C-alpha atoms as a PDB file:
ATOM      1  CA  MET A   1     131.032  54.799  80.080  1.00  0.00           C
ATOM      2  CA  SER A   2     128.457  55.013  82.905  1.00  0.00           C
ATOM      3  CA  LYS A   3     129.045  55.922  86.445  1.00  0.00           C
ATOM      4  CA  LEU A   4     129.041  53.247  89.084  1.00  0.00           C
ATOM      5  CA  SER A   5     126.486  53.366  91.828  1.00  0.00           C
ATOM      6  CA  LYS A   6     126.374  51.529  95.077  1.00  0.00           C
ATOM      7  CA  ALA A   7     123.819  49.157  93.482  1.00  0.00           C
ATOM      8  CA  ASP A   8     126.398  48.179  90.849  1.00  0.00           C
ATOM      9  CA  ASN A   9     129.428  47.840  93.103  1.00  0.00           C
ATOM     10  CA  PRO A  10     129.559  46.602  96.702  1.00  0.00           C
ATOM     11  CA  PHE A  11     132.850  48.461  97.207  1.00  0.00           C
ATOM     12  CA  ILE A  12     131.151  51.805  96.513  1.00  0.00           C
ATOM     13  CA  GLN A  13     128.395  50.791  98.945  1.00  0.00           C
ATOM     14  CA  LYS A  14     131.146  50.057 101.667  1.00  0.00           C
ATOM     15  CA  LEU A  15     132.760  53.357 100.860  1.00  0.00           C
ATOM     16  CA  ALA A  16     129.447  55.280 101.302  1.00  0.00           C
ATOM     17  CA  THR A  17     128.800  53.532 104.561  1.00  0.00           C
ATOM     18  CA  ARG A  18     132.238  54.286 105.811  1.00  0.00           C
ATOM     19  CA  ILE A  19     131.924  57.999 104.983  1.00  0.00           C
ATOM     20  CA  LYS A  20     128.649  58.180 106.918  1.00  0.00           C
ATOM     21  CA  GLN A  21     130.006  56.339 109.906  1.00  0.00           C
ATOM     22  CA  LEU A  22     132.997  58.627 110.193  1.00  0.00           C
ATOM     23  CA  ARG A  23     130.808  61.749 109.826  1.00  0.00           C
ATOM     24  CA  ILE A  24     128.619  60.562 112.696  1.00  0.00           C
ATOM     25  CA  LYS A  25     131.688  59.676 114.772  1.00  0.00           C
ATOM     26  CA  LYS A  26     132.954  63.256 114.356  1.00  0.00           C
ATOM     27  CA  GLY A  27     129.751  64.400 116.077  1.00  0.00           C
ATOM     28  CA  TYR A  28     127.777  65.475 113.047  1.00  0.00           C
ATOM     29  CA  SER A  29     124.197  64.191 113.018  1.00  0.00           C
ATOM     30  CA  SER A  30     123.579  66.187 109.799  1.00  0.00           C
ATOM     31  CA  TYR A  31     125.620  65.640 106.606  1.00  0.00           C
ATOM     32  CA  GLU A  32     124.791  69.184 105.625  1.00  0.00           C
ATOM     33  CA  TYR A  33     126.631  70.838 108.546  1.00  0.00           C
ATOM     34  CA  PHE A  34     129.589  68.473 108.054  1.00  0.00           C
ATOM     35  CA  ALA A  35     129.781  69.465 104.339  1.00  0.00           C
ATOM     36  CA  TYR A  36     129.546  73.152 105.164  1.00  0.00           C
ATOM     37  CA  ASP A  37     132.149  73.027 107.914  1.00  0.00           C
ATOM     38  CA  HIS A  38     134.631  71.194 105.682  1.00  0.00           C
ATOM     39  CA  GLY A  39     134.226  73.032 102.397  1.00  0.00           C
ATOM     40  CA  PHE A  40     132.077  70.533 100.480  1.00  0.00           C
ATOM     41  CA  SER A  41     129.035  71.247  98.501  1.00  0.00           C
ATOM     42  CA  ARG A  42     126.086  69.957 100.466  1.00  0.00           C
ATOM     43  CA  SER A  43     124.550  68.197  97.481  1.00  0.00           C
ATOM     44  CA  GLN A  44     127.862  66.638  96.429  1.00  0.00           C
ATOM     45  CA  TYR A  45     128.656  65.317  99.858  1.00  0.00           C
ATOM     46  CA  GLY A  46     125.106  63.953 100.119  1.00  0.00           C
ATOM     47  CA  ARG A  47     125.833  61.985  96.989  1.00  0.00           C
ATOM     48  CA  TYR A  48     129.033  60.544  98.479  1.00  0.00           C
ATOM     49  CA  GLU A  49     127.045  59.145 101.400  1.00  0.00           C
ATOM     50  CA  LYS A  50     124.362  57.779  99.051  1.00  0.00           C
ATOM     51  CA  GLY A  51     126.968  55.787  97.115  1.00  0.00           C
ATOM     52  CA  GLU A  52     127.749  57.705  94.017  1.00  0.00           C
ATOM     53  CA  ASP A  53     131.145  57.403  92.604  1.00  0.00           C
ATOM     54  CA  ILE A  54     133.788  59.705  94.110  1.00  0.00           C
ATOM     55  CA  ARG A  55     136.933  61.221  92.625  1.00  0.00           C
ATOM     56  CA  PHE A  56     140.178  60.280  94.308  1.00  0.00           C
ATOM     57  CA  SER A  57     141.089  63.884  95.110  1.00  0.00           C
ATOM     58  CA  SER A  58     137.631  64.330  96.796  1.00  0.00           C
ATOM     59  CA  LEU A  59     138.119  61.118  98.767  1.00  0.00           C
ATOM     60  CA  MET A  60     141.475  62.360  99.979  1.00  0.00           C
ATOM     61  CA  LYS A  61     139.958  65.725 101.020  1.00  0.00           C
ATOM     62  CA  LEU A  62     137.232  63.800 102.956  1.00  0.00           C
ATOM     63  CA  ILE A  63     139.840  61.583 104.715  1.00  0.00           C
ATOM     64  CA  ASP A  64     141.695  64.759 105.682  1.00  0.00           C
ATOM     65  CA  ALA A  65     138.439  66.251 107.059  1.00  0.00           C
ATOM     66  CA  PHE A  66     137.952  63.168 109.244  1.00  0.00           C
ATOM     67  CA  GLU A  67     141.482  63.774 110.554  1.00  0.00           C
ATOM     68  CA  ILE A  68     142.625  60.220 109.795  1.00  0.00           C
ATOM     69  CA  THR A  69     145.098  58.504 107.406  1.00  0.00           C
ATOM     70  CA  PRO A  70     144.038  56.647 104.311  1.00  0.00           C
ATOM     71  CA  VAL A  71     145.121  53.428 105.967  1.00  0.00           C
ATOM     72  CA  GLU A  72     142.831  54.141 108.943  1.00  0.00           C
ATOM     73  CA  PHE A  73     140.038  54.948 106.541  1.00  0.00           C
ATOM     74  CA  PHE A  74     140.282  51.645 104.662  1.00  0.00           C
ATOM     75  CA  ASP A  75     141.199  49.615 107.616  1.00  0.00           C
ATOM     76  CA  GLU A  76     137.731  49.375 109.008  1.00  0.00           C
ATOM     77  CA  GLY A  77     134.938  47.814 106.960  1.00  0.00           C
ATOM     78  CA  PHE A  78     137.161  46.905 103.985  1.00  0.00           C
ATOM     79  CA  THR A  79     139.877  44.419 105.084  1.00  0.00           C
ATOM     80  CA  GLU A  80     137.565  41.998 106.936  1.00  0.00           C
ATOM     81  CA  ASN A  81     135.414  41.334 103.881  1.00  0.00           C
ATOM     82  CA  GLN A  82     138.504  41.021 101.731  1.00  0.00           C
ATOM     83  CA  LYS A  83     140.037  38.432 103.973  1.00  0.00           C
ATOM     84  CA  VAL A  84     136.801  36.387 103.912  1.00  0.00           C
ATOM     85  CA  LYS A  85     136.710  36.672 100.106  1.00  0.00           C
ATOM     86  CA  ASN A  86     140.328  35.436  99.869  1.00  0.00           C
ATOM     87  CA  LYS A  87     139.627  32.493 102.075  1.00  0.00           C
ATOM     88  CA  LYS A  88     136.816  31.292  99.820  1.00  0.00           C
ATOM     89  CA  LYS A  89     139.122  31.017  96.786  1.00  0.00           C
END
């Protein structure tokens, strides 16, 4: 089984974009400083923002680092497109 990348899955692309947006919102212009301050490997965190697949436990650790709930994480950037998709059916 191959890993999904953002080129393969638009949901992964949205996830990567959301992670980057929240990092910037927290005041970090560099992903490396955010990774260091929150106990992530710099290279691994960089892959999350580039759209490589992420484990659920890592995603939950990220959401905790952003100091938001999972609902807040997925509320922006995901539900709007889902509503549009559902209307087309």
